[in-house]
Amino acid sequence: MMIALIALFLLGAGDMVSVYIRHQLVQYETPDEIRGRVSAVNSVFIGASNELGEFESGITAGWFGLVRAILLGGAATLAVTGIWSMLFPVLSKMDRFPHLAQERAQSGQKVA
C-alpha cells in the first residue's frame, strides 16, 4: 500500500512538472498575436486528457484486468512515442528554440 502511495505521489508530481513545462513552451514558442487562443486550447486539452485517461484506464482494467491494462497502456505509450519520433524527427533533435538562436544572432550575442 505504501509503495502504491509513493508511486502515485511521484507520478502526480511528474505530471505537474510536465504540464508546467508544456505550458511554458507553448507561451514561449507561440507568436504574440495568437498566444491567448493557443494557450486556451492547450489548457482545455491538458484538463481533459487526465479525465479521459482515467476513464480509459478504468474501462481497460475492467475489460482485461489490472495487470494486462497496465501492460497494454505502457506498450501503447511506447508505440505512440516511437511513431511520433518517426513522424516528427525535428522534435526529438531539437535542443534549443529556433527563434532564440535568431534573436541572439541578430543582437550580436554568441549562439551556442
N, C-alpha and C. Protein backbone atom coordinates (compact mmCIF):
# COMPACT_ATOMS: atom_id res chain seq x y z
N MET A 1 0.82 -1.19 0.00
CA MET A 1 0.00 0.00 0.00
C MET A 1 0.87 1.26 0.00
N MET A 2 1.91 1.27 0.79
CA MET A 2 2.78 2.44 0.88
C MET A 2 3.52 2.67 -0.44
N ILE A 3 3.93 1.58 -1.10
CA ILE A 3 4.63 1.71 -2.39
C ILE A 3 3.70 2.35 -3.42
N ALA A 4 2.44 1.91 -3.43
CA ALA A 4 1.47 2.49 -4.37
C ALA A 4 1.26 3.97 -4.09
N LEU A 5 1.19 4.35 -2.82
CA LEU A 5 1.00 5.75 -2.46
C LEU A 5 2.20 6.60 -2.91
N ILE A 6 3.39 6.09 -2.68
CA ILE A 6 4.60 6.80 -3.11
C ILE A 6 4.65 6.91 -4.63
N ALA A 7 4.30 5.82 -5.33
CA ALA A 7 4.30 5.84 -6.79
C ALA A 7 3.29 6.85 -7.32
N LEU A 8 2.09 6.89 -6.72
CA LEU A 8 1.09 7.86 -7.14
C LEU A 8 1.55 9.29 -6.89
N PHE A 9 2.21 9.52 -5.77
CA PHE A 9 2.74 10.84 -5.47
C PHE A 9 3.78 11.26 -6.51
N LEU A 10 4.71 10.36 -6.82
CA LEU A 10 5.76 10.68 -7.79
C LEU A 10 5.19 10.90 -9.19
N LEU A 11 4.22 10.08 -9.57
CA LEU A 11 3.59 10.27 -10.88
C LEU A 11 2.83 11.59 -10.95
N GLY A 12 2.13 11.94 -9.88
CA GLY A 12 1.41 13.21 -9.84
C GLY A 12 2.36 14.39 -9.91
N ALA A 13 3.46 14.30 -9.18
CA ALA A 13 4.45 15.38 -9.21
C ALA A 13 5.08 15.50 -10.60
N GLY A 14 5.39 14.36 -11.21
CA GLY A 14 5.94 14.37 -12.56
C GLY A 14 4.96 14.97 -13.57
N ASP A 15 3.68 14.65 -13.40
CA ASP A 15 2.66 15.20 -14.29
C ASP A 15 2.57 16.71 -14.12
N MET A 16 2.65 17.19 -12.89
CA MET A 16 2.60 18.64 -12.65
C MET A 16 3.78 19.35 -13.31
N VAL A 17 4.96 18.76 -13.22
CA VAL A 17 6.14 19.34 -13.85
C VAL A 17 5.97 19.33 -15.37
N SER A 18 5.46 18.23 -15.90
CA SER A 18 5.23 18.12 -17.34
C SER A 18 4.26 19.18 -17.83
N VAL A 19 3.16 19.37 -17.12
CA VAL A 19 2.17 20.39 -17.51
C VAL A 19 2.81 21.78 -17.47
N TYR A 20 3.59 22.05 -16.44
CA TYR A 20 4.24 23.35 -16.32
C TYR A 20 5.19 23.59 -17.49
N ILE A 21 6.01 22.60 -17.81
CA ILE A 21 6.98 22.74 -18.90
C ILE A 21 6.25 22.94 -20.23
N ARG A 22 5.21 22.13 -20.48
CA ARG A 22 4.47 22.28 -21.73
C ARG A 22 3.81 23.65 -21.82
N HIS A 23 3.27 24.13 -20.72
CA HIS A 23 2.66 25.46 -20.72
C HIS A 23 3.69 26.53 -21.05
N GLN A 24 4.86 26.43 -20.46
CA GLN A 24 5.91 27.41 -20.73
C GLN A 24 6.37 27.35 -22.18
N LEU A 25 6.49 26.14 -22.73
CA LEU A 25 6.89 26.00 -24.13
C LEU A 25 5.87 26.62 -25.07
N VAL A 26 4.59 26.40 -24.77
CA VAL A 26 3.54 27.00 -25.60
C VAL A 26 3.63 28.52 -25.53
N GLN A 27 3.81 29.06 -24.35
CA GLN A 27 3.91 30.51 -24.20
C GLN A 27 5.13 31.06 -24.92
N TYR A 28 6.21 30.33 -24.89
CA TYR A 28 7.46 30.81 -25.45
C TYR A 28 7.50 30.70 -26.96
N GLU A 29 6.94 29.65 -27.51
CA GLU A 29 7.05 29.39 -28.94
C GLU A 29 5.90 29.93 -29.77
N THR A 30 4.81 30.35 -29.16
CA THR A 30 3.64 30.81 -29.91
C THR A 30 3.78 32.30 -30.22
N PRO A 31 3.47 32.68 -31.46
CA PRO A 31 3.52 34.12 -31.81
C PRO A 31 2.57 34.94 -30.93
N ASP A 32 2.94 36.17 -30.67
CA ASP A 32 2.18 37.04 -29.76
C ASP A 32 0.71 37.17 -30.15
N GLU A 33 0.43 37.29 -31.43
CA GLU A 33 -0.95 37.57 -31.86
C GLU A 33 -1.92 36.42 -31.64
N ILE A 34 -1.43 35.20 -31.43
CA ILE A 34 -2.35 34.06 -31.20
C ILE A 34 -2.07 33.33 -29.89
N ARG A 35 -1.22 33.89 -29.06
CA ARG A 35 -0.80 33.22 -27.83
C ARG A 35 -1.97 32.90 -26.90
N GLY A 36 -2.90 33.81 -26.73
CA GLY A 36 -4.04 33.58 -25.83
C GLY A 36 -4.92 32.43 -26.30
N ARG A 37 -5.21 32.39 -27.59
CA ARG A 37 -6.05 31.32 -28.13
C ARG A 37 -5.36 29.96 -28.03
N VAL A 38 -4.08 29.93 -28.37
CA VAL A 38 -3.33 28.67 -28.30
C VAL A 38 -3.23 28.20 -26.85
N SER A 39 -3.00 29.12 -25.94
CA SER A 39 -2.92 28.77 -24.53
C SER A 39 -4.25 28.23 -24.01
N ALA A 40 -5.36 28.82 -24.45
CA ALA A 40 -6.68 28.34 -24.02
C ALA A 40 -6.95 26.93 -24.52
N VAL A 41 -6.65 26.68 -25.79
CA VAL A 41 -6.86 25.34 -26.35
C VAL A 41 -5.95 24.34 -25.64
N ASN A 42 -4.71 24.73 -25.38
CA ASN A 42 -3.77 23.85 -24.67
C ASN A 42 -4.29 23.51 -23.28
N SER A 43 -4.84 24.49 -22.59
CA SER A 43 -5.38 24.25 -21.24
C SER A 43 -6.56 23.28 -21.28
N VAL A 44 -7.42 23.41 -22.28
CA VAL A 44 -8.55 22.50 -22.41
C VAL A 44 -8.06 21.08 -22.64
N PHE A 45 -7.07 20.91 -23.51
CA PHE A 45 -6.55 19.57 -23.78
C PHE A 45 -5.87 18.98 -22.56
N ILE A 46 -5.10 19.78 -21.84
CA ILE A 46 -4.44 19.27 -20.63
C ILE A 46 -5.49 18.89 -19.59
N GLY A 47 -6.49 19.74 -19.40
CA GLY A 47 -7.53 19.46 -18.41
C GLY A 47 -8.34 18.23 -18.75
N ALA A 48 -8.64 18.05 -20.03
CA ALA A 48 -9.47 16.91 -20.45
C ALA A 48 -8.67 15.61 -20.52
N SER A 49 -7.39 15.71 -20.79
CA SER A 49 -6.61 14.49 -21.01
C SER A 49 -6.53 13.62 -19.76
N ASN A 50 -6.39 14.23 -18.60
CA ASN A 50 -6.31 13.43 -17.38
C ASN A 50 -7.61 12.67 -17.12
N GLU A 51 -8.74 13.35 -17.28
CA GLU A 51 -10.02 12.69 -17.04
C GLU A 51 -10.27 11.59 -18.08
N LEU A 52 -9.98 11.87 -19.33
CA LEU A 52 -10.16 10.85 -20.37
C LEU A 52 -9.22 9.66 -20.14
N GLY A 53 -8.01 9.95 -19.71
CA GLY A 53 -7.06 8.87 -19.42
C GLY A 53 -7.50 8.01 -18.26
N GLU A 54 -8.04 8.64 -17.23
CA GLU A 54 -8.55 7.86 -16.09
C GLU A 54 -9.74 7.00 -16.50
N PHE A 55 -10.63 7.55 -17.31
CA PHE A 55 -11.77 6.79 -17.80
C PHE A 55 -11.31 5.60 -18.63
N GLU A 56 -10.38 5.85 -19.54
CA GLU A 56 -9.85 4.77 -20.40
C GLU A 56 -9.16 3.70 -19.56
N SER A 57 -8.41 4.10 -18.57
CA SER A 57 -7.71 3.13 -17.72
C SER A 57 -8.70 2.26 -16.95
N GLY A 58 -9.75 2.88 -16.44
CA GLY A 58 -10.77 2.12 -15.71
C GLY A 58 -11.50 1.13 -16.60
N ILE A 59 -11.88 1.57 -17.80
CA ILE A 59 -12.56 0.68 -18.75
C ILE A 59 -11.64 -0.48 -19.15
N THR A 60 -10.40 -0.15 -19.46
CA THR A 60 -9.45 -1.18 -19.89
C THR A 60 -9.19 -2.18 -18.77
N ALA A 61 -9.04 -1.70 -17.54
CA ALA A 61 -8.81 -2.61 -16.41
C ALA A 61 -10.03 -3.49 -16.18
N GLY A 62 -11.22 -2.94 -16.39
CA GLY A 62 -12.44 -3.74 -16.26
C GLY A 62 -12.53 -4.83 -17.32
N TRP A 63 -12.10 -4.52 -18.52
CA TRP A 63 -12.16 -5.49 -19.62
C TRP A 63 -11.08 -6.56 -19.52
N PHE A 64 -9.83 -6.12 -19.30
CA PHE A 64 -8.68 -7.04 -19.41
C PHE A 64 -8.05 -7.42 -18.08
N GLY A 65 -8.40 -6.76 -17.00
CA GLY A 65 -7.75 -6.96 -15.72
C GLY A 65 -6.66 -5.92 -15.53
N LEU A 66 -6.27 -5.72 -14.28
CA LEU A 66 -5.34 -4.64 -13.95
C LEU A 66 -3.98 -4.80 -14.60
N VAL A 67 -3.38 -5.98 -14.48
CA VAL A 67 -2.01 -6.17 -14.99
C VAL A 67 -1.99 -6.03 -16.50
N ARG A 68 -2.93 -6.64 -17.19
CA ARG A 68 -2.97 -6.53 -18.66
C ARG A 68 -3.22 -5.09 -19.09
N ALA A 69 -4.06 -4.38 -18.37
CA ALA A 69 -4.34 -2.98 -18.71
C ALA A 69 -3.08 -2.13 -18.56
N ILE A 70 -2.31 -2.38 -17.51
CA ILE A 70 -1.07 -1.64 -17.30
C ILE A 70 -0.08 -1.94 -18.41
N LEU A 71 0.07 -3.22 -18.74
CA LEU A 71 1.00 -3.60 -19.81
C LEU A 71 0.57 -3.04 -21.16
N LEU A 72 -0.73 -3.09 -21.44
CA LEU A 72 -1.25 -2.54 -22.69
C LEU A 72 -1.04 -1.03 -22.75
N GLY A 73 -1.31 -0.34 -21.65
CA GLY A 73 -1.10 1.11 -21.61
C GLY A 73 0.36 1.49 -21.80
N GLY A 74 1.25 0.76 -21.17
CA GLY A 74 2.69 1.02 -21.34
C GLY A 74 3.15 0.77 -22.76
N ALA A 75 2.68 -0.34 -23.36
CA ALA A 75 3.04 -0.66 -24.74
C ALA A 75 2.49 0.40 -25.70
N ALA A 76 1.25 0.85 -25.46
CA ALA A 76 0.66 1.88 -26.31
C ALA A 76 1.43 3.20 -26.19
N THR A 77 1.86 3.53 -24.98
CA THR A 77 2.64 4.76 -24.78
C THR A 77 3.95 4.70 -25.54
N LEU A 78 4.65 3.57 -25.44
CA LEU A 78 5.91 3.41 -26.17
C LEU A 78 5.69 3.44 -27.67
N ALA A 79 4.60 2.83 -28.14
CA ALA A 79 4.31 2.82 -29.57
C ALA A 79 4.03 4.24 -30.09
N VAL A 80 3.22 4.99 -29.36
CA VAL A 80 2.93 6.36 -29.78
C VAL A 80 4.20 7.21 -29.77
N THR A 81 5.04 7.03 -28.76
CA THR A 81 6.30 7.77 -28.69
C THR A 81 7.18 7.44 -29.89
N GLY A 82 7.29 6.17 -30.24
CA GLY A 82 8.08 5.77 -31.40
C GLY A 82 7.53 6.31 -32.71
N ILE A 83 6.22 6.23 -32.86
CA ILE A 83 5.59 6.75 -34.09
C ILE A 83 5.81 8.25 -34.20
N TRP A 84 5.61 8.97 -33.09
CA TRP A 84 5.78 10.43 -33.11
C TRP A 84 7.22 10.79 -33.44
N SER A 85 8.18 10.04 -32.90
CA SER A 85 9.59 10.36 -33.17
C SER A 85 9.94 10.12 -34.64
N MET A 86 9.23 9.18 -35.28
CA MET A 86 9.46 8.96 -36.72
C MET A 86 8.74 10.01 -37.56
N LEU A 87 7.53 10.39 -37.16
CA LEU A 87 6.76 11.37 -37.93
C LEU A 87 7.29 12.79 -37.77
N PHE A 88 7.83 13.10 -36.60
CA PHE A 88 8.32 14.45 -36.31
C PHE A 88 9.74 14.38 -35.77
N PRO A 89 10.71 14.00 -36.61
CA PRO A 89 12.09 13.83 -36.12
C PRO A 89 12.72 15.13 -35.61
N VAL A 90 12.26 16.26 -36.11
CA VAL A 90 12.83 17.53 -35.66
C VAL A 90 12.60 17.75 -34.17
N LEU A 91 11.47 17.23 -33.64
CA LEU A 91 11.19 17.42 -32.21
C LEU A 91 12.18 16.66 -31.34
N SER A 92 12.57 15.48 -31.75
CA SER A 92 13.50 14.71 -30.91
C SER A 92 14.93 15.23 -31.01
N LYS A 93 15.23 15.99 -32.06
CA LYS A 93 16.58 16.53 -32.23
C LYS A 93 16.70 17.97 -31.74
N MET A 94 15.57 18.57 -31.40
CA MET A 94 15.57 19.99 -31.01
C MET A 94 16.10 20.15 -29.60
N ASP A 95 17.19 20.89 -29.47
CA ASP A 95 17.75 21.11 -28.14
C ASP A 95 17.72 22.59 -27.74
N ARG A 96 17.20 23.43 -28.62
CA ARG A 96 17.01 24.85 -28.29
C ARG A 96 15.91 25.40 -29.18
N PHE A 97 15.41 26.55 -28.82
CA PHE A 97 14.34 27.16 -29.58
C PHE A 97 14.92 27.86 -30.80
N PRO A 98 14.39 27.58 -32.00
CA PRO A 98 14.94 28.19 -33.22
C PRO A 98 14.90 29.72 -33.19
N HIS A 99 13.82 30.29 -32.72
CA HIS A 99 13.75 31.76 -32.75
C HIS A 99 14.71 32.39 -31.75
N LEU A 100 15.08 31.69 -30.70
CA LEU A 100 16.04 32.21 -29.73
C LEU A 100 17.41 32.37 -30.39
N ALA A 101 17.80 31.40 -31.19
CA ALA A 101 19.08 31.49 -31.90
C ALA A 101 19.07 32.67 -32.88
N GLN A 102 17.93 32.88 -33.56
CA GLN A 102 17.83 34.01 -34.48
C GLN A 102 17.91 35.34 -33.74
N GLU A 103 17.22 35.43 -32.61
CA GLU A 103 17.25 36.67 -31.83
C GLU A 103 18.66 36.96 -31.34
N ARG A 104 19.36 35.94 -30.87
CA ARG A 104 20.72 36.14 -30.39
C ARG A 104 21.65 36.53 -31.52
N ALA A 105 21.47 35.90 -32.68
CA ALA A 105 22.31 36.23 -33.82
C ALA A 105 22.08 37.68 -34.26
N GLN A 106 20.83 38.12 -34.23
CA GLN A 106 20.52 39.50 -34.64
C GLN A 106 21.06 40.52 -33.65
N SER A 107 21.09 40.16 -32.38
CA SER A 107 21.56 41.09 -31.37
C SER A 107 23.08 41.04 -31.19
N GLY A 108 23.73 40.12 -31.90
CA GLY A 108 25.18 40.01 -31.82
C GLY A 108 25.69 39.14 -30.70
N GLN A 109 24.78 38.47 -29.96
CA GLN A 109 25.20 37.57 -28.90
C GLN A 109 25.72 36.28 -29.50
N LYS A 110 26.57 35.62 -28.75
CA LYS A 110 27.13 34.35 -29.19
C LYS A 110 26.04 33.28 -29.15
N VAL A 111 25.89 32.51 -30.24
CA VAL A 111 24.91 31.42 -30.32
C VAL A 111 25.63 30.13 -30.02
N ALA A 112 25.23 29.46 -28.96
CA ALA A 112 25.90 28.21 -28.56
C ALA A 112 25.43 27.05 -29.38
